Amino acid sequence: MKFSLLDIYTVLLQRNGNLAWWPGETDIEVCVGAILTQNTSWHNVERAISNLKKEDLMSADKILSVSSERLSKLIRPAGYFNQKAGYLKGFCKFLKLYSLPKLSKMEPCEVRDLLLSIKGIGPETADSILLYALDLPIFVIDAYTKRILSRIGIVSNKATYQELQDLFHNKLPTDIELFNDYHAQLVVLAKDFCNKKPKCSECPLRIAGICCFN
């Protein structure tokens, strides 16, 4: 490999500037968004979050106070609404024991294990909460990341979540802002160019000489 992960980031940063991601006005909103975005588009999540805000339900206590049926109806645009209503309530019950400020002062690996113990929270959701809500240095891996890196030829398309995350953690400086923006840059690249039918000839990575195998 004649290029590094930092080379990829530099190309994308020069094209897009810092993306200042994740969208969310408060830490709890970031957490809610991370749970709701499972298996759906962010556009649908925005609609669901808007519904919660209109009802003044963007807090752990208020989410716990509303009925599951009402909560399901409000988050319906995000899909799998009955399941996700249960996930949100489970997460909010967890926050009654461990507040976000308390979690942010703990070791990342310990917080991650706690989050993964909550029904409905897997590695990507847990890591999104760690990075974007708690400002802990964990690189978030998603399907876009795997697609891009496997097409470039850095990893196999059979690489696991942990293998991909270890790659970023081992090859990049441990920097919260870098992890934050790098993930956002990959999401934008995947949506604009490296989608299911890739626009390879227009891809900024290919133009920069970081070639795609597919």
Protein backbone atom coordinates (compact mmCIF):
# COMPACT_ATOMS: atom_id res chain seq x y z
CA MET A 1 0.00 0.00 0.00
CA LYS A 2 1.67 3.20 -1.19
CA PHE A 3 -0.79 5.44 0.58
CA SER A 4 -1.87 5.70 4.19
CA LEU A 5 -5.16 6.18 5.98
CA LEU A 6 -4.04 9.75 6.67
CA ASP A 7 -3.50 10.26 2.91
CA ILE A 8 -7.11 9.25 2.30
CA TYR A 9 -8.34 11.62 4.98
CA THR A 10 -6.25 14.50 3.63
CA VAL A 11 -7.76 14.13 0.17
CA LEU A 12 -11.30 14.07 1.53
CA LEU A 13 -10.69 16.97 3.93
CA GLN A 14 -9.31 19.12 1.11
CA ARG A 15 -12.42 18.40 -0.94
CA ASN A 16 -15.10 18.79 1.73
CA GLY A 17 -13.57 20.80 4.54
CA ASN A 18 -14.30 19.81 8.12
CA LEU A 19 -17.84 18.41 8.20
CA ALA A 20 -18.52 19.12 11.90
CA TRP A 21 -20.49 15.94 12.36
CA TRP A 22 -22.65 14.34 14.09
CA PRO A 23 -25.91 16.30 13.73
CA GLY A 24 -27.56 16.82 17.11
CA GLU A 25 -28.20 19.74 19.42
CA THR A 26 -27.61 17.84 22.67
CA ASP A 27 -25.76 14.72 23.78
CA ILE A 28 -29.03 12.87 24.45
CA GLU A 29 -30.22 13.75 20.94
CA VAL A 30 -27.02 12.26 19.54
CA CYS A 31 -27.67 9.06 21.48
CA VAL A 32 -31.29 8.89 20.34
CA GLY A 33 -30.17 9.44 16.74
CA ALA A 34 -27.56 6.70 17.01
CA ILE A 35 -30.23 4.22 18.10
CA LEU A 36 -32.85 5.33 15.58
CA THR A 37 -30.49 5.31 12.58
CA GLN A 38 -30.16 1.53 12.68
CA ASN A 39 -31.34 0.08 9.35
CA THR A 40 -32.71 3.34 8.00
CA SER A 41 -31.65 6.60 6.38
CA TRP A 42 -30.74 9.72 8.33
CA HIS A 43 -33.59 11.56 6.62
CA ASN A 44 -36.05 9.21 8.34
CA VAL A 45 -34.26 9.67 11.66
CA GLU A 46 -34.58 13.44 11.36
CA ARG A 47 -38.35 13.08 10.95
CA ALA A 48 -38.57 10.89 14.04
CA ILE A 49 -36.40 13.24 16.11
CA SER A 50 -38.48 16.19 14.96
CA ASN A 51 -41.59 14.41 16.24
CA LEU A 52 -39.97 13.86 19.63
CA LYS A 53 -38.90 17.48 19.86
CA LYS A 54 -42.36 18.74 18.98
CA GLU A 55 -43.68 16.74 21.94
CA ASP A 56 -40.82 17.96 24.17
CA LEU A 57 -39.61 14.41 24.72
CA MET A 58 -35.89 14.80 24.12
CA SER A 59 -34.69 13.71 27.54
CA ALA A 60 -34.27 10.38 29.27
CA ASP A 61 -36.91 11.12 31.91
CA LYS A 62 -39.48 12.23 29.36
CA ILE A 63 -38.89 9.25 27.09
CA LEU A 64 -39.42 6.98 30.08
CA SER A 65 -42.59 8.83 31.07
CA VAL A 66 -44.36 8.39 27.73
CA SER A 67 -46.12 5.13 26.86
CA SER A 68 -44.41 2.67 24.54
CA GLU A 69 -47.34 2.97 22.15
CA ARG A 70 -47.03 6.75 21.99
CA LEU A 71 -43.27 6.60 21.60
CA SER A 72 -43.58 4.03 18.80
CA LYS A 73 -45.98 6.28 16.92
CA LEU A 74 -43.67 9.29 17.21
CA ILE A 75 -40.59 7.44 15.94
CA ARG A 76 -42.47 5.53 13.24
CA PRO A 77 -40.61 7.31 10.38
CA ALA A 78 -37.37 5.64 11.52
CA GLY A 79 -38.76 2.14 10.91
CA TYR A 80 -38.79 -0.87 13.26
CA PHE A 81 -40.55 1.57 15.56
CA ASN A 82 -41.81 -0.91 18.16
CA GLN A 83 -38.35 -2.42 18.59
CA LYS A 84 -36.64 0.96 18.64
CA ALA A 85 -39.11 2.31 21.20
CA GLY A 86 -38.05 -0.54 23.46
CA TYR A 87 -34.37 0.15 22.75
CA LEU A 88 -34.81 3.84 23.59
CA LYS A 89 -36.56 3.07 26.87
CA GLY A 90 -33.90 0.52 27.77
CA PHE A 91 -31.15 3.03 27.06
CA CYS A 92 -32.91 5.72 29.08
CA LYS A 93 -33.28 3.34 32.03
CA PHE A 94 -29.54 2.76 31.76
CA LEU A 95 -28.98 6.53 31.95
CA LYS A 96 -30.77 6.58 35.30
CA LEU A 97 -27.84 4.53 36.62
CA TYR A 98 -25.06 6.00 34.51
CA SER A 99 -25.47 9.61 33.41
CA LEU A 100 -23.72 10.82 30.27
CA PRO A 101 -21.35 13.08 32.27
CA LYS A 102 -20.43 10.12 34.48
CA LEU A 103 -19.85 7.87 31.46
CA SER A 104 -17.61 10.45 29.79
CA LYS A 105 -15.17 10.22 32.72
CA MET A 106 -14.87 6.44 32.55
CA GLU A 107 -12.47 4.34 30.50
CA PRO A 108 -13.76 3.93 26.91
CA CYS A 109 -13.53 0.13 27.02
CA GLU A 110 -15.58 0.02 30.22
CA VAL A 111 -18.27 2.31 28.82
CA ARG A 112 -18.37 0.31 25.61
CA ASP A 113 -18.96 -2.93 27.50
CA LEU A 114 -21.77 -1.28 29.46
CA LEU A 115 -23.42 0.02 26.30
CA LEU A 116 -23.15 -3.34 24.55
CA SER A 117 -24.99 -4.92 27.46
CA ILE A 118 -28.10 -2.87 26.58
CA LYS A 119 -30.61 -4.61 24.32
CA GLY A 120 -30.58 -3.15 20.82
CA ILE A 121 -27.15 -1.53 21.05
CA GLY A 122 -24.47 -3.14 18.92
CA PRO A 123 -20.88 -2.08 18.19
CA GLU A 124 -21.66 0.68 15.67
CA THR A 125 -24.36 2.25 17.85
CA ALA A 126 -22.21 1.98 20.97
CA ASP A 127 -19.21 3.52 19.25
CA SER A 128 -21.30 6.35 17.80
CA ILE A 129 -22.44 7.20 21.32
CA LEU A 130 -18.88 6.96 22.64
CA LEU A 131 -17.42 9.24 19.98
CA TYR A 132 -20.16 11.74 19.24
CA ALA A 133 -21.98 12.05 22.57
CA LEU A 134 -19.23 11.27 25.09
CA ASP A 135 -16.18 12.60 23.22
CA LEU A 136 -14.24 9.38 23.75
CA PRO A 137 -11.63 8.32 21.14
CA ILE A 138 -13.31 5.39 19.42
CA PHE A 139 -13.42 5.11 15.61
CA VAL A 140 -16.90 4.25 14.33
CA ILE A 141 -17.09 1.57 11.65
CA ASP A 142 -20.09 1.24 9.36
CA ALA A 143 -21.00 -0.43 6.08
CA TYR A 144 -19.71 2.59 4.16
CA THR A 145 -16.26 2.28 5.75
CA LYS A 146 -16.02 -1.40 4.89
CA ARG A 147 -17.21 -0.83 1.33
CA ILE A 148 -14.68 1.93 0.65
CA LEU A 149 -11.68 0.21 2.21
CA SER A 150 -12.40 -3.13 0.56
CA ARG A 151 -12.81 -1.49 -2.86
CA ILE A 152 -9.55 0.39 -2.45
CA GLY A 153 -7.92 -2.89 -1.49
CA ILE A 154 -6.85 -2.08 2.06
CA VAL A 155 -8.99 -4.83 3.60
CA SER A 156 -10.92 -7.88 2.50
CA ASN A 157 -14.67 -7.55 2.09
CA LYS A 158 -14.82 -10.26 4.76
CA ALA A 159 -13.04 -8.09 7.34
CA THR A 160 -14.81 -7.95 10.68
CA TYR A 161 -15.91 -4.83 12.53
CA GLN A 162 -13.12 -5.30 15.06
CA GLU A 163 -10.47 -5.79 12.38
CA LEU A 164 -11.49 -2.56 10.67
CA GLN A 165 -11.60 -0.63 13.92
CA ASP A 166 -8.19 -1.95 14.97
CA LEU A 167 -6.78 -0.78 11.64
CA PHE A 168 -7.89 2.81 12.27
CA HIS A 169 -6.82 2.74 15.91
CA ASN A 170 -3.37 1.38 15.02
CA LYS A 171 -2.68 3.57 11.99
CA LEU A 172 -4.07 6.93 13.12
CA PRO A 173 -3.22 9.25 15.99
CA THR A 174 -5.66 8.89 18.87
CA ASP A 175 -7.56 12.10 18.24
CA ILE A 176 -11.26 12.63 18.87
CA GLU A 177 -11.69 15.36 16.25
CA LEU A 178 -9.86 13.30 13.64
CA PHE A 179 -11.96 10.20 14.34
CA ASN A 180 -15.12 12.32 14.26
CA ASP A 181 -14.44 14.02 10.95
CA TYR A 182 -12.83 11.01 9.24
CA HIS A 183 -15.95 8.94 9.76
CA ALA A 184 -18.09 11.77 8.40
CA GLN A 185 -15.82 12.11 5.35
CA LEU A 186 -16.22 8.40 4.57
CA VAL A 187 -20.00 8.65 4.85
CA VAL A 188 -20.07 11.54 2.37
CA LEU A 189 -17.70 9.73 0.00
CA ALA A 190 -19.87 6.62 0.06
CA LYS A 191 -23.06 8.55 -0.59
CA ASP A 192 -21.64 10.76 -3.34
CA PHE A 193 -19.32 8.37 -5.17
CA CYS A 194 -18.73 4.96 -3.58
CA ASN A 195 -22.34 3.79 -3.55
CA LYS A 196 -23.68 0.46 -4.77
CA LYS A 197 -23.09 1.62 -8.35
CA PRO A 198 -19.81 3.48 -7.82
CA LYS A 199 -18.82 6.58 -9.80
CA CYS A 200 -15.17 5.62 -9.83
CA SER A 201 -14.10 8.00 -12.59
CA GLU A 202 -15.33 10.96 -10.52
CA CYS A 203 -14.08 9.72 -7.14
CA PRO A 204 -11.67 12.18 -5.46
CA LEU A 205 -9.58 9.28 -4.17
CA ARG A 206 -9.04 7.88 -7.65
CA ILE A 207 -8.30 11.35 -9.03
CA ALA A 208 -5.69 11.72 -6.27
CA GLY A 209 -4.08 8.44 -7.29
CA ILE A 210 -5.56 6.27 -4.56
CA CYS A 211 -6.91 3.65 -6.89
CA CYS A 212 -9.99 1.53 -6.52
CA PHE A 213 -9.82 -2.18 -7.39
CA ASN A 214 -13.46 -2.44 -8.52
